[in-house]
Structures are given as structure tokens and as C-alpha cells.
């Protein structure tokens, strides 16, 4: 686990590290605006590799519409943090199933090249 405090630092770690999960947390979503904009500009194939969790206030935990609107894989309200392990597990399984066929096809294409 590495605390990232700027877009530049996140960009660096995405280039040199093997980042799989990103947790964005702030009581006010506006505090995360710059990082969210950066993530939204990533190439789709890079963004698909990242499991992004947003923890903030005044959201509906695990709500599919809000999760989509915020462009994250898991949305959690601070009041529901004690359910984090269950929410993470369920959401991560869904995400892995969603991209399973995509990853299989991609790896076959890479093998053939």
C-alpha cells in the first residue's frame, strides 16, 4: 500500500509499478476531482487494469448507477466502511468475471503476435 498525494505521483507509479487497486478517499468528492480527471483520461486498456474504489460522503454504497456516474468499480460511503471487506470481495469478483473473456482474448492475441 502506498499513499499517493498528487496526480504526478500517481502517474509515476502507474508507469513504473504494477498498480492493480486504487482507493480514493475524501469526505468531499471535490477534493478528488483532479485525480478522477486524470484516471478518466487514461487509455481504456490501462483503465481496465485498475480496480478503482471511491470512499466519500453522501453517496449510496454499492449503488450501480452512482458507481457508473463516478466512473469507479466500487463506491462506498464513509458510514459503511465497516463493511469494506465484504463489499470489496463481492465487487472484485464481479469485476474479474466482467473482464475474464476480454483478458483471455487479449492474451491469445498477444501470444499470436
PDB file of N, CA and C in Angstrom:
ATOM      1  N   UNK A   1       0.850  -1.170   0.000  1.00  0.00           N
ATOM      2  CA  UNK A   1       0.000   0.000   0.000  1.00  0.00           C
ATOM      3  C   UNK A   1       0.895   1.232   0.000  1.00  0.00           C
ATOM      4  N   UNK A   2       0.559   2.161  -0.860  1.00  0.00           N
ATOM      5  CA  UNK A   2       1.347   3.391  -0.998  1.00  0.00           C
ATOM      6  C   UNK A   2       0.393   4.565  -1.038  1.00  0.00           C
ATOM      7  N   UNK A   3       0.597   5.540  -0.171  1.00  0.00           N
ATOM      8  CA  UNK A   3      -0.220   6.750  -0.184  1.00  0.00           C
ATOM      9  C   UNK A   3       0.285   7.663  -1.292  1.00  0.00           C
ATOM     10  N   UNK A   4      -0.630   8.072  -2.153  1.00  0.00           N
ATOM     11  CA  UNK A   4      -0.316   8.957  -3.268  1.00  0.00           C
ATOM     12  C   UNK A   4      -0.977  10.305  -2.987  1.00  0.00           C
ATOM     13  N   UNK A   5      -0.214  11.367  -3.106  1.00  0.00           N
ATOM     14  CA  UNK A   5      -0.776  12.667  -2.751  1.00  0.00           C
ATOM     15  C   UNK A   5      -0.873  13.647  -3.919  1.00  0.00           C
ATOM     16  N   UNK A   6      -0.510  13.206  -5.124  1.00  0.00           N
ATOM     17  CA  UNK A   6      -0.624  14.104  -6.278  1.00  0.00           C
ATOM     18  C   UNK A   6      -0.841  13.293  -7.555  1.00  0.00           C
ATOM     19  N   UNK A   7      -1.350  13.971  -8.560  1.00  0.00           N
ATOM     20  CA  UNK A   7      -1.544  13.333  -9.864  1.00  0.00           C
ATOM     21  C   UNK A   7      -0.199  12.914 -10.450  1.00  0.00           C
ATOM     22  N   UNK A   8       0.793  13.730 -10.273  1.00  0.00           N
ATOM     23  CA  UNK A   8       2.129  13.418 -10.805  1.00  0.00           C
ATOM     24  C   UNK A   8       2.685  12.138 -10.174  1.00  0.00           C
ATOM     25  N   UNK A   9       2.474  11.994  -8.894  1.00  0.00           N
ATOM     26  CA  UNK A   9       2.946  10.793  -8.205  1.00  0.00           C
ATOM     27  C   UNK A   9       2.181   9.553  -8.673  1.00  0.00           C
ATOM     28  N   UNK A  10       0.867   9.696  -8.857  1.00  0.00           N
ATOM     29  CA  UNK A  10       0.065   8.584  -9.366  1.00  0.00           C
ATOM     30  C   UNK A  10       0.519   8.198 -10.766  1.00  0.00           C
ATOM     31  N   UNK A  11       0.737   9.180 -11.605  1.00  0.00           N
ATOM     32  CA  UNK A  11       1.210   8.930 -12.967  1.00  0.00           C
ATOM     33  C   UNK A  11       2.539   8.172 -12.944  1.00  0.00           C
ATOM     34  N   UNK A  12       3.442   8.591 -12.076  1.00  0.00           N
ATOM     35  CA  UNK A  12       4.736   7.918 -11.948  1.00  0.00           C
ATOM     36  C   UNK A  12       4.545   6.452 -11.578  1.00  0.00           C
ATOM     37  N   UNK A  13       3.754   6.164 -10.553  1.00  0.00           N
ATOM     38  CA  UNK A  13       3.581   4.786 -10.099  1.00  0.00           C
ATOM     39  C   UNK A  13       2.847   3.922 -11.117  1.00  0.00           C
ATOM     40  N   UNK A  14       1.954   4.519 -11.887  1.00  0.00           N
ATOM     41  CA  UNK A  14       1.286   3.751 -12.936  1.00  0.00           C
ATOM     42  C   UNK A  14       2.262   3.366 -14.043  1.00  0.00           C
ATOM     43  N   UNK A  15       3.300   4.174 -14.222  1.00  0.00           N
ATOM     44  CA  UNK A  15       4.299   3.884 -15.254  1.00  0.00           C
ATOM     45  C   UNK A  15       5.350   2.884 -14.786  1.00  0.00           C
ATOM     46  N   UNK A  16       5.778   2.961 -13.528  1.00  0.00           N
ATOM     47  CA  UNK A  16       6.890   2.124 -13.079  1.00  0.00           C
ATOM     48  C   UNK A  16       6.467   0.944 -12.206  1.00  0.00           C
ATOM     49  N   UNK A  17       5.282   0.994 -11.667  1.00  0.00           N
ATOM     50  CA  UNK A  17       4.841  -0.065 -10.766  1.00  0.00           C
ATOM     51  C   UNK A  17       3.759  -0.928 -11.377  1.00  0.00           C
ATOM     52  N   UNK A  18       3.386  -1.941 -10.663  1.00  0.00           N
ATOM     53  CA  UNK A  18       2.292  -2.807 -11.091  1.00  0.00           C
ATOM     54  C   UNK A  18       1.088  -2.504 -10.190  1.00  0.00           C
ATOM     55  N   UNK A  19       0.411  -1.414 -10.516  1.00  0.00           N
ATOM     56  CA  UNK A  19      -0.729  -0.952  -9.725  1.00  0.00           C
ATOM     57  C   UNK A  19      -1.974  -1.709 -10.165  1.00  0.00           C
ATOM     58  N   UNK A  20      -2.668  -2.308  -9.207  1.00  0.00           N
ATOM     59  CA  UNK A  20      -3.891  -3.057  -9.500  1.00  0.00           C
ATOM     60  C   UNK A  20      -5.127  -2.413  -8.883  1.00  0.00           C
ATOM     61  N   UNK A  21      -4.961  -1.835  -7.700  1.00  0.00           N
ATOM     62  CA  UNK A  21      -6.077  -1.218  -6.982  1.00  0.00           C
ATOM     63  C   UNK A  21      -5.724   0.221  -6.638  1.00  0.00           C
ATOM     64  N   UNK A  22      -6.721   1.087  -6.756  1.00  0.00           N
ATOM     65  CA  UNK A  22      -6.567   2.477  -6.343  1.00  0.00           C
ATOM     66  C   UNK A  22      -7.750   2.804  -5.443  1.00  0.00           C
ATOM     67  N   UNK A  23      -7.449   3.322  -4.272  1.00  0.00           N
ATOM     68  CA  UNK A  23      -8.500   3.750  -3.350  1.00  0.00           C
ATOM     69  C   UNK A  23      -8.441   5.264  -3.239  1.00  0.00           C
ATOM     70  N   UNK A  24      -9.527   5.908  -3.625  1.00  0.00           N
ATOM     71  CA  UNK A  24      -9.666   7.349  -3.493  1.00  0.00           C
ATOM     72  C   UNK A  24     -10.563   7.601  -2.297  1.00  0.00           C
ATOM     73  N   UNK A  25     -10.113   8.422  -1.364  1.00  0.00           N
ATOM     74  CA  UNK A  25     -10.911   8.677  -0.168  1.00  0.00           C
ATOM     75  C   UNK A  25     -10.821  10.136   0.237  1.00  0.00           C
ATOM     76  N   UNK A  26     -11.983  10.756   0.400  1.00  0.00           N
ATOM     77  CA  UNK A  26     -12.071  12.138   0.885  1.00  0.00           C
ATOM     78  C   UNK A  26     -13.516  12.401   1.290  1.00  0.00           C
ATOM     79  N   UNK A  27     -13.708  13.141   2.381  1.00  0.00           N
ATOM     80  CA  UNK A  27     -15.074  13.443   2.811  1.00  0.00           C
ATOM     81  C   UNK A  27     -15.867  14.212   1.752  1.00  0.00           C
ATOM     82  N   UNK A  28     -15.162  15.026   0.977  1.00  0.00           N
ATOM     83  CA  UNK A  28     -15.797  15.808  -0.070  1.00  0.00           C
ATOM     84  C   UNK A  28     -15.244  15.353  -1.416  1.00  0.00           C
ATOM     85  N   UNK A  29     -16.100  14.884  -2.307  1.00  0.00           N
ATOM     86  CA  UNK A  29     -15.658  14.359  -3.595  1.00  0.00           C
ATOM     87  C   UNK A  29     -14.853  15.381  -4.396  1.00  0.00           C
ATOM     88  N   UNK A  30     -15.160  16.655  -4.245  1.00  0.00           N
ATOM     89  CA  UNK A  30     -14.450  17.693  -4.998  1.00  0.00           C
ATOM     90  C   UNK A  30     -12.950  17.684  -4.728  1.00  0.00           C
ATOM     91  N   UNK A  31     -12.549  17.194  -3.566  1.00  0.00           N
ATOM     92  CA  UNK A  31     -11.123  17.107  -3.242  1.00  0.00           C
ATOM     93  C   UNK A  31     -10.383  16.121  -4.148  1.00  0.00           C
ATOM     94  N   UNK A  32     -11.125  15.226  -4.778  1.00  0.00           N
ATOM     95  CA  UNK A  32     -10.532  14.185  -5.622  1.00  0.00           C
ATOM     96  C   UNK A  32     -10.665  14.489  -7.111  1.00  0.00           C
ATOM     97  N   UNK A  33     -11.201  15.635  -7.427  1.00  0.00           N
ATOM     98  CA  UNK A  33     -11.526  15.961  -8.817  1.00  0.00           C
ATOM     99  C   UNK A  33     -10.333  15.824  -9.762  1.00  0.00           C
ATOM    100  N   UNK A  34      -9.179  16.334  -9.370  1.00  0.00           N
ATOM    101  CA  UNK A  34      -8.002  16.298 -10.239  1.00  0.00           C
ATOM    102  C   UNK A  34      -7.563  14.854 -10.529  1.00  0.00           C
ATOM    103  N   UNK A  35      -7.551  14.023  -9.509  1.00  0.00           N
ATOM    104  CA  UNK A  35      -7.154  12.621  -9.702  1.00  0.00           C
ATOM    105  C   UNK A  35      -8.196  11.882 -10.536  1.00  0.00           C
ATOM    106  N   UNK A  36      -9.486  12.142 -10.289  1.00  0.00           N
ATOM    107  CA  UNK A  36     -10.543  11.497 -11.082  1.00  0.00           C
ATOM    108  C   UNK A  36     -10.425  11.880 -12.551  1.00  0.00           C
ATOM    109  N   UNK A  37     -10.163  13.146 -12.832  1.00  0.00           N
ATOM    110  CA  UNK A  37      -9.998  13.583 -14.218  1.00  0.00           C
ATOM    111  C   UNK A  37      -8.809  12.892 -14.874  1.00  0.00           C
ATOM    112  N   UNK A  38      -7.733  12.719 -14.118  1.00  0.00           N
ATOM    113  CA  UNK A  38      -6.562  12.020 -14.633  1.00  0.00           C
ATOM    114  C   UNK A  38      -6.922  10.568 -14.985  1.00  0.00           C
ATOM    115  N   UNK A  39      -7.624   9.889 -14.091  1.00  0.00           N
ATOM    116  CA  UNK A  39      -8.000   8.492 -14.332  1.00  0.00           C
ATOM    117  C   UNK A  39      -8.930   8.366 -15.539  1.00  0.00           C
ATOM    118  N   UNK A  40      -9.809   9.330 -15.715  1.00  0.00           N
ATOM    119  CA  UNK A  40     -10.748   9.285 -16.837  1.00  0.00           C
ATOM    120  C   UNK A  40     -10.046   9.490 -18.173  1.00  0.00           C
ATOM    121  N   UNK A  41      -8.858  10.087 -18.161  1.00  0.00           N
ATOM    122  CA  UNK A  41      -8.108  10.324 -19.393  1.00  0.00           C
ATOM    123  C   UNK A  41      -7.160   9.179 -19.754  1.00  0.00           C
ATOM    124  N   UNK A  42      -7.061   8.190 -18.882  1.00  0.00           N
ATOM    125  CA  UNK A  42      -6.200   7.041 -19.191  1.00  0.00           C
ATOM    126  C   UNK A  42      -6.719   6.308 -20.411  1.00  0.00           C
ATOM    127  N   UNK A  43      -5.814   5.678 -21.130  1.00  0.00           N
ATOM    128  CA  UNK A  43      -6.242   4.827 -22.241  1.00  0.00           C
ATOM    129  C   UNK A  43      -7.160   3.735 -21.706  1.00  0.00           C
ATOM    130  N   UNK A  44      -8.205   3.393 -22.439  1.00  0.00           N
ATOM    131  CA  UNK A  44      -9.153   2.388 -21.941  1.00  0.00           C
ATOM    132  C   UNK A  44      -8.494   1.072 -21.521  1.00  0.00           C
ATOM    133  N   UNK A  45      -7.490   0.620 -22.268  1.00  0.00           N
ATOM    134  CA  UNK A  45      -6.846  -0.648 -21.910  1.00  0.00           C
ATOM    135  C   UNK A  45      -6.084  -0.534 -20.588  1.00  0.00           C
ATOM    136  N   UNK A  46      -5.567   0.645 -20.282  1.00  0.00           N
ATOM    137  CA  UNK A  46      -4.892   0.846 -18.996  1.00  0.00           C
ATOM    138  C   UNK A  46      -5.916   0.953 -17.864  1.00  0.00           C
ATOM    139  N   UNK A  47      -7.004   1.682 -18.114  1.00  0.00           N
ATOM    140  CA  UNK A  47      -8.031   1.857 -17.083  1.00  0.00           C
ATOM    141  C   UNK A  47      -8.676   0.514 -16.727  1.00  0.00           C
ATOM    142  N   UNK A  48      -8.841  -0.377 -17.709  1.00  0.00           N
ATOM    143  CA  UNK A  48      -9.442  -1.696 -17.452  1.00  0.00           C
ATOM    144  C   UNK A  48      -8.618  -2.539 -16.501  1.00  0.00           C
ATOM    145  N   UNK A  49      -7.328  -2.248 -16.395  1.00  0.00           N
ATOM    146  CA  UNK A  49      -6.440  -2.999 -15.495  1.00  0.00           C
ATOM    147  C   UNK A  49      -6.573  -2.551 -14.049  1.00  0.00           C
ATOM    148  N   UNK A  50      -7.182  -1.394 -13.826  1.00  0.00           N
ATOM    149  CA  UNK A  50      -7.246  -0.804 -12.490  1.00  0.00           C
ATOM    150  C   UNK A  50      -8.616  -1.010 -11.853  1.00  0.00           C
ATOM    151  N   UNK A  51      -8.608  -1.425 -10.605  1.00  0.00           N
ATOM    152  CA  UNK A  51      -9.833  -1.532  -9.818  1.00  0.00           C
ATOM    153  C   UNK A  51      -9.856  -0.304  -8.916  1.00  0.00           C
ATOM    154  N   UNK A  52     -10.783   0.617  -9.214  1.00  0.00           N
ATOM    155  CA  UNK A  52     -10.819   1.905  -8.519  1.00  0.00           C
ATOM    156  C   UNK A  52     -11.965   1.923  -7.512  1.00  0.00           C
ATOM    157  N   UNK A  53     -11.603   2.252  -6.277  1.00  0.00           N
ATOM    158  CA  UNK A  53     -12.567   2.328  -5.177  1.00  0.00           C
ATOM    159  C   UNK A  53     -12.669   3.787  -4.744  1.00  0.00           C
ATOM    160  N   UNK A  54     -13.886   4.268  -4.613  1.00  0.00           N
ATOM    161  CA  UNK A  54     -14.116   5.628  -4.129  1.00  0.00           C
ATOM    162  C   UNK A  54     -14.830   5.562  -2.791  1.00  0.00           C
ATOM    163  N   UNK A  55     -14.227   6.171  -1.781  1.00  0.00           N
ATOM    164  CA  UNK A  55     -14.822   6.270  -0.450  1.00  0.00           C
ATOM    165  C   UNK A  55     -15.034   7.751  -0.175  1.00  0.00           C
ATOM    166  N   UNK A  56     -16.289   8.138   0.001  1.00  0.00           N
ATOM    167  CA  UNK A  56     -16.624   9.545   0.211  1.00  0.00           C
ATOM    168  C   UNK A  56     -17.929   9.637   0.992  1.00  0.00           C
ATOM    169  N   UNK A  57     -18.427  10.836   1.145  1.00  0.00           N
ATOM    170  CA  UNK A  57     -19.662  11.056   1.896  1.00  0.00           C
ATOM    171  C   UNK A  57     -20.829  11.326   0.961  1.00  0.00           C
ATOM    172  N   UNK A  58     -22.019  11.079   1.479  1.00  0.00           N
ATOM    173  CA  UNK A  58     -23.263  11.400   0.769  1.00  0.00           C
ATOM    174  C   UNK A  58     -23.427  10.655  -0.549  1.00  0.00           C
ATOM    175  N   UNK A  59     -23.036   9.370  -0.562  1.00  0.00           N
ATOM    176  CA  UNK A  59     -23.257   8.508  -1.727  1.00  0.00           C
ATOM    177  C   UNK A  59     -23.956   7.241  -1.260  1.00  0.00           C
ATOM    178  N   UNK A  60     -24.537   6.538  -2.205  1.00  0.00           N
ATOM    179  CA  UNK A  60     -25.191   5.271  -1.900  1.00  0.00           C
ATOM    180  C   UNK A  60     -24.189   4.142  -2.127  1.00  0.00           C
ATOM    181  N   UNK A  61     -23.759   3.539  -1.065  1.00  0.00           N
ATOM    182  CA  UNK A  61     -22.791   2.452  -1.143  1.00  0.00           C
ATOM    183  C   UNK A  61     -23.303   1.347  -2.067  1.00  0.00           C
ATOM    184  N   UNK A  62     -22.431   0.897  -2.955  1.00  0.00           N
ATOM    185  CA  UNK A  62     -22.662  -0.239  -3.843  1.00  0.00           C
ATOM    186  C   UNK A  62     -23.783   0.015  -4.862  1.00  0.00           C
ATOM    187  N   UNK A  63     -24.203   1.259  -5.007  1.00  0.00           N
ATOM    188  CA  UNK A  63     -25.262   1.584  -5.969  1.00  0.00           C
ATOM    189  C   UNK A  63     -24.692   1.562  -7.385  1.00  0.00           C
ATOM    190  N   UNK A  64     -25.254   0.743  -8.277  1.00  0.00           N
ATOM    191  CA  UNK A  64     -24.662   0.614  -9.614  1.00  0.00           C
ATOM    192  C   UNK A  64     -24.730   1.900 -10.440  1.00  0.00           C
ATOM    193  N   UNK A  65     -25.792   2.662 -10.302  1.00  0.00           N
ATOM    194  CA  UNK A  65     -25.903   3.895 -11.084  1.00  0.00           C
ATOM    195  C   UNK A  65     -24.875   4.919 -10.606  1.00  0.00           C
ATOM    196  N   UNK A  66     -24.797   5.141  -9.300  1.00  0.00           N
ATOM    197  CA  UNK A  66     -23.811   6.094  -8.793  1.00  0.00           C
ATOM    198  C   UNK A  66     -22.384   5.623  -9.065  1.00  0.00           C
ATOM    199  N   UNK A  67     -22.150   4.335  -8.955  1.00  0.00           N
ATOM    200  CA  UNK A  67     -20.823   3.785  -9.246  1.00  0.00           C
ATOM    201  C   UNK A  67     -20.436   4.102 -10.687  1.00  0.00           C
ATOM    202  N   UNK A  68     -21.373   3.934 -11.599  1.00  0.00           N
ATOM    203  CA  UNK A  68     -21.138   4.253 -13.015  1.00  0.00           C
ATOM    204  C   UNK A  68     -20.899   5.748 -13.198  1.00  0.00           C
ATOM    205  N   UNK A  69     -21.731   6.574 -12.576  1.00  0.00           N
ATOM    206  CA  UNK A  69     -21.605   8.028 -12.709  1.00  0.00           C
ATOM    207  C   UNK A  69     -20.237   8.517 -12.224  1.00  0.00           C
ATOM    208  N   UNK A  70     -19.746   7.934 -11.140  1.00  0.00           N
ATOM    209  CA  UNK A  70     -18.440   8.327 -10.607  1.00  0.00           C
ATOM    210  C   UNK A  70     -17.277   7.641 -11.333  1.00  0.00           C
ATOM    211  N   UNK A  71     -17.576   6.763 -12.269  1.00  0.00           N
ATOM    212  CA  UNK A  71     -16.553   6.041 -13.058  1.00  0.00           C
ATOM    213  C   UNK A  71     -15.584   5.263 -12.182  1.00  0.00           C
ATOM    214  N   UNK A  72     -16.136   4.536 -11.213  1.00  0.00           N
ATOM    215  CA  UNK A  72     -15.317   3.710 -10.337  1.00  0.00           C
ATOM    216  C   UNK A  72     -15.860   2.280 -10.355  1.00  0.00           C
ATOM    217  N   UNK A  73     -15.128   1.382  -9.745  1.00  0.00           N
ATOM    218  CA  UNK A  73     -15.566  -0.010  -9.669  1.00  0.00           C
ATOM    219  C   UNK A  73     -16.296  -0.321  -8.383  1.00  0.00           C
ATOM    220  N   UNK A  74     -16.026   0.455  -7.348  1.00  0.00           N
ATOM    221  CA  UNK A  74     -16.697   0.259  -6.063  1.00  0.00           C
ATOM    222  C   UNK A  74     -16.866   1.615  -5.403  1.00  0.00           C
ATOM    223  N   UNK A  75     -18.086   1.903  -4.965  1.00  0.00           N
ATOM    224  CA  UNK A  75     -18.417   3.161  -4.309  1.00  0.00           C
ATOM    225  C   UNK A  75     -18.886   2.865  -2.890  1.00  0.00           C
ATOM    226  N   UNK A  76     -18.243   3.529  -1.915  1.00  0.00           N
ATOM    227  CA  UNK A  76     -18.571   3.280  -0.510  1.00  0.00           C
ATOM    228  C   UNK A  76     -18.727   4.612   0.212  1.00  0.00           C
ATOM    229  N   UNK A  77     -19.815   4.745   0.957  1.00  0.00           N
ATOM    230  CA  UNK A  77     -19.993   5.893   1.830  1.00  0.00           C
ATOM    231  C   UNK A  77     -19.191   5.637   3.102  1.00  0.00           C
ATOM    232  N   UNK A  78     -18.613   6.701   3.669  1.00  0.00           N
ATOM    233  CA  UNK A  78     -17.807   6.551   4.888  1.00  0.00           C
ATOM    234  C   UNK A  78     -18.574   5.816   5.992  1.00  0.00           C
ATOM    235  N   UNK A  79     -19.888   5.993   6.042  1.00  0.00           N
ATOM    236  CA  UNK A  79     -20.673   5.349   7.097  1.00  0.00           C
ATOM    237  C   UNK A  79     -20.728   3.828   6.953  1.00  0.00           C
ATOM    238  N   UNK A  80     -20.352   3.312   5.793  1.00  0.00           N
ATOM    239  CA  UNK A  80     -20.383   1.867   5.542  1.00  0.00           C
ATOM    240  C   UNK A  80     -18.999   1.222   5.509  1.00  0.00           C
ATOM    241  N   UNK A  81     -17.985   1.934   5.961  1.00  0.00           N
ATOM    242  CA  UNK A  81     -16.622   1.406   5.889  1.00  0.00           C
ATOM    243  C   UNK A  81     -16.433   0.099   6.649  1.00  0.00           C
ATOM    244  N   UNK A  82     -17.212  -0.136   7.691  1.00  0.00           N
ATOM    245  CA  UNK A  82     -17.057  -1.391   8.433  1.00  0.00           C
ATOM    246  C   UNK A  82     -17.457  -2.604   7.582  1.00  0.00           C
ATOM    247  N   UNK A  83     -18.118  -2.387   6.451  1.00  0.00           N
ATOM    248  CA  UNK A  83     -18.471  -3.479   5.534  1.00  0.00           C
ATOM    249  C   UNK A  83     -17.478  -3.606   4.384  1.00  0.00           C
ATOM    250  N   UNK A  84     -16.388  -2.885   4.458  1.00  0.00           N
ATOM    251  CA  UNK A  84     -15.432  -2.847   3.358  1.00  0.00           C
ATOM    252  C   UNK A  84     -15.005  -4.239   2.868  1.00  0.00           C
ATOM    253  N   UNK A  85     -14.595  -5.160   3.755  1.00  0.00           N
ATOM    254  CA  UNK A  85     -14.133  -6.465   3.242  1.00  0.00           C
ATOM    255  C   UNK A  85     -15.186  -7.182   2.390  1.00  0.00           C
ATOM    256  N   UNK A  86     -16.424  -7.192   2.836  1.00  0.00           N
ATOM    257  CA  UNK A  86     -17.483  -7.865   2.083  1.00  0.00           C
ATOM    258  C   UNK A  86     -17.768  -7.147   0.761  1.00  0.00           C
ATOM    259  N   UNK A  87     -17.838  -5.825   0.815  1.00  0.00           N
ATOM    260  CA  UNK A  87     -18.108  -5.046  -0.393  1.00  0.00           C
ATOM    261  C   UNK A  87     -16.988  -5.203  -1.410  1.00  0.00           C
ATOM    262  N   UNK A  88     -15.754  -5.152  -0.930  1.00  0.00           N
ATOM    263  CA  UNK A  88     -14.601  -5.300  -1.816  1.00  0.00           C
ATOM    264  C   UNK A  88     -14.611  -6.680  -2.480  1.00  0.00           C
ATOM    265  N   UNK A  89     -14.804  -7.715  -1.694  1.00  0.00           N
ATOM    266  CA  UNK A  89     -14.794  -9.080  -2.222  1.00  0.00           C
ATOM    267  C   UNK A  89     -15.870  -9.260  -3.299  1.00  0.00           C
ATOM    268  N   UNK A  90     -17.070  -8.848  -2.999  1.00  0.00           N
ATOM    269  CA  UNK A  90     -18.178  -9.019  -3.948  1.00  0.00           C
ATOM    270  C   UNK A  90     -17.939  -8.217  -5.231  1.00  0.00           C
ATOM    271  N   UNK A  91     -17.505  -6.989  -5.076  1.00  0.00           N
ATOM    272  CA  UNK A  91     -17.280  -6.132  -6.227  1.00  0.00           C
ATOM    273  C   UNK A  91     -16.097  -6.616  -7.071  1.00  0.00           C
ATOM    274  N   UNK A  92     -15.044  -7.054  -6.413  1.00  0.00           N
ATOM    275  CA  UNK A  92     -13.857  -7.535  -7.128  1.00  0.00           C
ATOM    276  C   UNK A  92     -14.184  -8.801  -7.929  1.00  0.00           C
ATOM    277  N   UNK A  93     -14.976  -9.705  -7.366  1.00  0.00           N
ATOM    278  CA  UNK A  93     -15.391 -10.900  -8.098  1.00  0.00           C
ATOM    279  C   UNK A  93     -16.181 -10.545  -9.346  1.00  0.00           C
ATOM    280  N   UNK A  94     -17.109  -9.607  -9.198  1.00  0.00           N
ATOM    281  CA  UNK A  94     -17.902  -9.169 -10.348  1.00  0.00           C
ATOM    282  C   UNK A  94     -16.989  -8.584 -11.427  1.00  0.00           C
ATOM    283  N   UNK A  95     -16.049  -7.735 -11.020  1.00  0.00           N
ATOM    284  CA  UNK A  95     -15.136  -7.085 -11.957  1.00  0.00           C
ATOM    285  C   UNK A  95     -14.290  -8.123 -12.697  1.00  0.00           C
ATOM    286  N   UNK A  96     -13.782  -9.119 -11.957  1.00  0.00           N
ATOM    287  CA  UNK A  96     -12.969 -10.169 -12.588  1.00  0.00           C
ATOM    288  C   UNK A  96     -13.784 -10.965 -13.593  1.00  0.00           C
ATOM    289  N   UNK A  97     -15.027 -11.277 -13.261  1.00  0.00           N
ATOM    290  CA  UNK A  97     -15.896 -12.000 -14.194  1.00  0.00           C
ATOM    291  C   UNK A  97     -16.217 -11.160 -15.422  1.00  0.00           C
ATOM    292  N   UNK A  98     -16.436  -9.880 -15.201  1.00  0.00           N
ATOM    293  CA  UNK A  98     -16.771  -8.969 -16.294  1.00  0.00           C
ATOM    294  C   UNK A  98     -15.666  -8.939 -17.347  1.00  0.00           C
ATOM    295  N   UNK A  99     -14.412  -8.932 -16.915  1.00  0.00           N
ATOM    296  CA  UNK A  99     -13.280  -8.816 -17.836  1.00  0.00           C
ATOM    297  C   UNK A  99     -12.591 -10.139 -18.151  1.00  0.00           C
ATOM    298  N   UNK A 100     -13.104 -11.252 -17.649  1.00  0.00           N
ATOM    299  CA  UNK A 100     -12.463 -12.554 -17.868  1.00  0.00           C
ATOM    300  C   UNK A 100     -12.300 -12.861 -19.361  1.00  0.00           C
ATOM    301  N   UNK A 101     -13.364 -12.774 -20.136  1.00  0.00           N
ATOM    302  CA  UNK A 101     -13.281 -13.092 -21.562  1.00  0.00           C
ATOM    303  C   UNK A 101     -12.389 -12.103 -22.304  1.00  0.00           C
ATOM    304  N   UNK A 102     -12.492 -10.840 -21.944  1.00  0.00           N
ATOM    305  CA  UNK A 102     -11.633  -9.822 -22.559  1.00  0.00           C
ATOM    306  C   UNK A 102     -10.162 -10.171 -22.346  1.00  0.00           C
ATOM    307  N   UNK A 103      -9.805 -10.541 -21.134  1.00  0.00           N
ATOM    308  CA  UNK A 103      -8.403 -10.866 -20.823  1.00  0.00           C
ATOM    309  C   UNK A 103      -7.941 -12.131 -21.549  1.00  0.00           C
ATOM    310  N   UNK A 104      -8.823 -13.122 -21.661  1.00  0.00           N
ATOM    311  CA  UNK A 104      -8.472 -14.344 -22.389  1.00  0.00           C
ATOM    312  C   UNK A 104      -8.171 -14.031 -23.850  1.00  0.00           C
ATOM    313  N   UNK A 105      -9.049 -13.265 -24.471  1.00  0.00           N
ATOM    314  CA  UNK A 105      -8.860 -12.916 -25.879  1.00  0.00           C
ATOM    315  C   UNK A 105      -7.606 -12.078 -26.061  1.00  0.00           C
ATOM    316  N   UNK A 106      -7.413 -11.119 -25.194  1.00  0.00           N
ATOM    317  CA  UNK A 106      -6.227 -10.268 -25.281  1.00  0.00           C
ATOM    318  C   UNK A 106      -4.942 -11.076 -25.156  1.00  0.00           C
ATOM    319  N   UNK A 107      -4.911 -12.019 -24.223  1.00  0.00           N
ATOM    320  CA  UNK A 107      -3.681 -12.820 -24.056  1.00  0.00           C
ATOM    321  C   UNK A 107      -3.437 -13.712 -25.292  1.00  0.00           C
ATOM    322  N   UNK A 108      -4.504 -14.221 -25.915  1.00  0.00           N
ATOM    323  CA  UNK A 108      -4.330 -15.014 -27.140  1.00  0.00           C
ATOM    324  C   UNK A 108      -3.793 -14.168 -28.282  1.00  0.00           C
ATOM    325  N   UNK A 109      -4.296 -12.948 -28.382  1.00  0.00           N
ATOM    326  CA  UNK A 109      -3.815 -12.040 -29.421  1.00  0.00           C
ATOM    327  C   UNK A 109      -2.347 -11.728 -29.206  1.00  0.00           C
ATOM    328  N   UNK A 110      -1.962 -11.467 -27.972  1.00  0.00           N
ATOM    329  CA  UNK A 110      -0.568 -11.159 -27.653  1.00  0.00           C
ATOM    330  C   UNK A 110       0.336 -12.346 -27.962  1.00  0.00           C
ATOM    331  N   UNK A 111      -0.148 -13.554 -27.652  1.00  0.00           N
ATOM    332  CA  UNK A 111       0.641 -14.772 -27.962  1.00  0.00           C
ATOM    333  C   UNK A 111       0.881 -14.913 -29.460  1.00  0.00           C
ATOM    334  N   UNK A 112      -0.113 -14.559 -30.260  1.00  0.00           N
ATOM    335  CA  UNK A 112      -0.007 -14.723 -31.704  1.00  0.00           C
ATOM    336  C   UNK A 112       0.883 -13.681 -32.361  1.00  0.00           C
ATOM    337  N   UNK A 113       1.084 -12.584 -31.675  1.00  0.00           N
ATOM    338  CA  UNK A 113       1.904 -11.509 -32.260  1.00  0.00           C
ATOM    339  C   UNK A 113       3.336 -11.816 -32.117  1.00  0.00           C
TER     340      UNK A 113
END
